[in-house]
Protein backbone atom coordinates (compact mmCIF):
# COMPACT_ATOMS: atom_id res chain seq x y z
CA UNK A 1 101.61 64.66 78.58
CA UNK A 2 105.55 64.95 79.03
CA UNK A 3 106.89 63.56 82.16
CA UNK A 4 108.28 67.09 82.95
CA UNK A 5 106.93 68.78 86.10
CA UNK A 6 104.73 71.85 85.39
CA UNK A 7 105.87 75.11 86.90
CA UNK A 8 103.69 78.12 87.41
CA UNK A 9 104.88 81.56 86.24
CA UNK A 10 103.59 84.79 87.10
CA UNK A 11 102.38 86.69 84.17
CA UNK A 12 103.24 90.41 83.55
CA UNK A 13 99.76 91.33 84.92
CA UNK A 14 100.14 89.14 88.13
CA UNK A 15 103.40 90.79 88.68
CA UNK A 16 101.77 94.38 88.11
CA UNK A 17 98.83 93.25 90.45
CA UNK A 18 101.09 92.23 93.32
CA UNK A 19 103.34 95.57 92.93
CA UNK A 20 100.29 97.42 93.31
CA UNK A 21 99.12 95.40 96.18
CA UNK A 22 102.34 95.93 97.82
CA UNK A 23 102.05 99.38 97.42
CA UNK A 24 98.79 99.28 98.97
CA UNK A 25 100.21 97.47 101.84
CA UNK A 26 102.79 100.41 102.30
CA UNK A 27 99.98 103.02 102.52
CA UNK A 28 98.26 100.82 104.94
CA UNK A 29 101.28 100.27 106.87
CA UNK A 30 101.99 103.89 107.22
CA UNK A 31 98.49 104.64 108.68
CA UNK A 32 98.46 101.84 111.02
CA UNK A 33 102.05 102.78 112.39
CA UNK A 34 101.06 106.04 112.86
CA UNK A 35 98.05 105.15 114.84
CA UNK A 36 100.04 102.55 116.79
CA UNK A 37 102.62 105.26 117.87
CA UNK A 38 100.06 107.71 118.60
CA UNK A 39 98.36 105.12 120.96
CA UNK A 40 101.53 104.08 122.57
CA UNK A 41 102.51 107.62 123.31
CA UNK A 42 99.24 108.99 124.46
CA UNK A 43 99.38 111.65 121.72
CA UNK A 44 96.11 112.65 119.97
CA UNK A 45 95.86 112.20 116.31
CA UNK A 46 95.54 115.38 113.71
CA UNK A 47 91.85 114.97 113.13
CA UNK A 48 91.34 118.52 112.15
CA UNK A 49 88.45 118.85 114.41
CA UNK A 50 86.52 115.90 112.99
CA UNK A 51 84.00 114.94 115.40
CA UNK A 52 84.24 111.49 116.22
CA UNK A 53 88.02 110.94 115.38
CA UNK A 54 88.95 110.89 119.02
CA UNK A 55 85.96 109.19 120.12
CA UNK A 56 86.82 106.16 118.00
CA UNK A 57 90.48 106.28 118.87
CA UNK A 58 89.96 106.83 122.46
CA UNK A 59 87.31 104.04 122.72
CA UNK A 60 87.62 100.64 124.50
CA UNK A 61 87.39 98.97 121.07
CA UNK A 62 90.74 100.70 120.16
CA UNK A 63 92.72 98.21 122.22
CA UNK A 64 92.62 94.20 122.73
CA UNK A 65 94.18 92.89 125.58
CA UNK A 66 95.96 96.24 126.36
CA UNK A 67 97.56 96.20 122.70
CA UNK A 68 96.27 98.74 120.24
CA UNK A 69 94.24 97.50 117.29
CA UNK A 70 96.38 99.54 115.10
CA UNK A 71 99.54 97.29 116.25
CA UNK A 72 97.67 94.66 114.69
CA UNK A 73 97.03 96.19 111.40
CA UNK A 74 100.93 97.18 111.41
CA UNK A 75 101.31 93.38 111.68
CA UNK A 76 98.91 92.62 109.04
CA UNK A 77 100.09 95.20 106.41
CA UNK A 78 103.73 94.04 106.97
CA UNK A 79 102.89 90.40 106.37
CA UNK A 80 100.63 91.33 103.47
CA UNK A 81 103.27 93.24 101.79
CA UNK A 82 105.92 90.66 102.53
CA UNK A 83 103.62 88.10 100.60
CA UNK A 84 102.75 90.37 97.85
CA UNK A 85 106.39 90.88 97.12
CA UNK A 86 107.42 87.32 97.20
CA UNK A 87 104.11 86.58 94.92
CA UNK A 88 105.47 89.02 92.33
CA UNK A 89 108.62 86.92 92.38
CA UNK A 90 106.84 83.83 91.80
CA UNK A 91 106.59 82.30 95.00
CA UNK A 92 103.11 80.11 95.04
CA UNK A 93 102.63 79.86 98.80
CA UNK A 94 102.99 83.45 99.05
CA UNK A 95 100.12 84.26 96.90
CA UNK A 96 98.07 81.98 98.67
CA UNK A 97 99.06 83.24 102.20
CA UNK A 98 98.74 86.81 100.92
CA UNK A 99 94.98 85.86 100.28
CA UNK A 100 94.69 84.53 103.59
CA UNK A 101 96.15 87.64 105.32
CA UNK A 102 94.04 89.93 102.94
CA UNK A 103 91.02 88.12 104.09
CA UNK A 104 91.64 88.12 107.84
CA UNK A 105 92.39 91.93 107.37
CA UNK A 106 89.20 92.41 105.30
CA UNK A 107 87.07 90.60 108.09
CA UNK A 108 88.68 92.78 111.01
CA UNK A 109 87.74 95.66 108.87
CA UNK A 110 84.31 94.80 108.54
CA UNK A 111 83.88 94.43 112.37
CA UNK A 112 85.48 97.70 112.99
CA UNK A 113 83.32 99.38 110.47
CA UNK A 114 80.36 97.85 112.15
CA UNK A 115 81.45 99.10 115.69
CA UNK A 116 82.22 102.74 114.24
CA UNK A 117 78.77 102.70 112.42
CA UNK A 118 76.45 100.95 114.99
CA UNK A 119 78.20 100.84 118.42
CA UNK A 120 80.21 104.28 118.56
CA UNK A 121 78.10 106.20 116.07
CA UNK A 122 81.43 107.89 115.20
CA UNK A 123 84.13 107.77 112.60
CA UNK A 124 87.72 108.11 112.34
CA UNK A 125 89.30 109.34 109.13
CA UNK A 126 92.43 107.22 109.71
CA UNK A 127 90.50 103.99 110.33
CA UNK A 128 88.04 104.75 107.08
CA UNK A 129 91.38 105.26 105.04
CA UNK A 130 92.71 101.76 106.31
CA UNK A 131 89.28 100.31 105.68
CA UNK A 132 89.60 101.58 102.00
CA UNK A 133 93.06 100.02 101.70
CA UNK A 134 91.77 96.62 102.83
CA UNK A 135 88.81 96.71 100.48
CA UNK A 136 91.19 97.55 97.48
CA UNK A 137 93.42 94.61 98.61
CA UNK A 138 90.55 92.40 98.74
CA UNK A 139 89.36 93.60 95.39
CA UNK A 140 93.17 92.78 94.04
CA UNK A 141 92.43 89.09 95.62
CA UNK A 142 89.39 88.52 94.00
CA UNK A 143 90.66 89.86 90.56
CA UNK A 144 93.84 88.17 90.58
CA UNK A 145 93.85 85.33 87.86
CA UNK A 146 95.11 81.96 88.36
CA UNK A 147 98.76 81.66 87.82
CA UNK A 148 99.52 80.07 84.14
CA UNK A 149 100.91 76.79 84.02
CA UNK A 150 103.82 76.12 81.86
CA UNK A 151 105.81 73.24 80.65
CA UNK A 152 109.72 73.56 80.76
């Protein structure tokens, strides 16, 4: 083995994977931003008459310490987007931090789905869209191959 240090380089597949992840994060960011603005302005969501939408968005579970839960989603999706972008440009720590952030988003999503299904017995289409994004992001984290090691 040579005395050179090993560098990791992203494969084309990893670049595509993290680019797709960044796109999903933008969609989640838009959804969470919409819900945050609604919560802060007191407006009602455009739920098209969906039965449980307002019940979920107006519940006590929609805020933590007075802060809309969606605002935490904004922070999480923005952080995940940033990490995915840096990971696509070969920042190894960004890959690890992306996986950590997505894991936290995923855990929060599981909890919120539980609350909707078993506590409130109502669902919000915007919340379900965000949950779908989190599931897709977690799938990308799990499917992400380990970085190649090249010797320069």
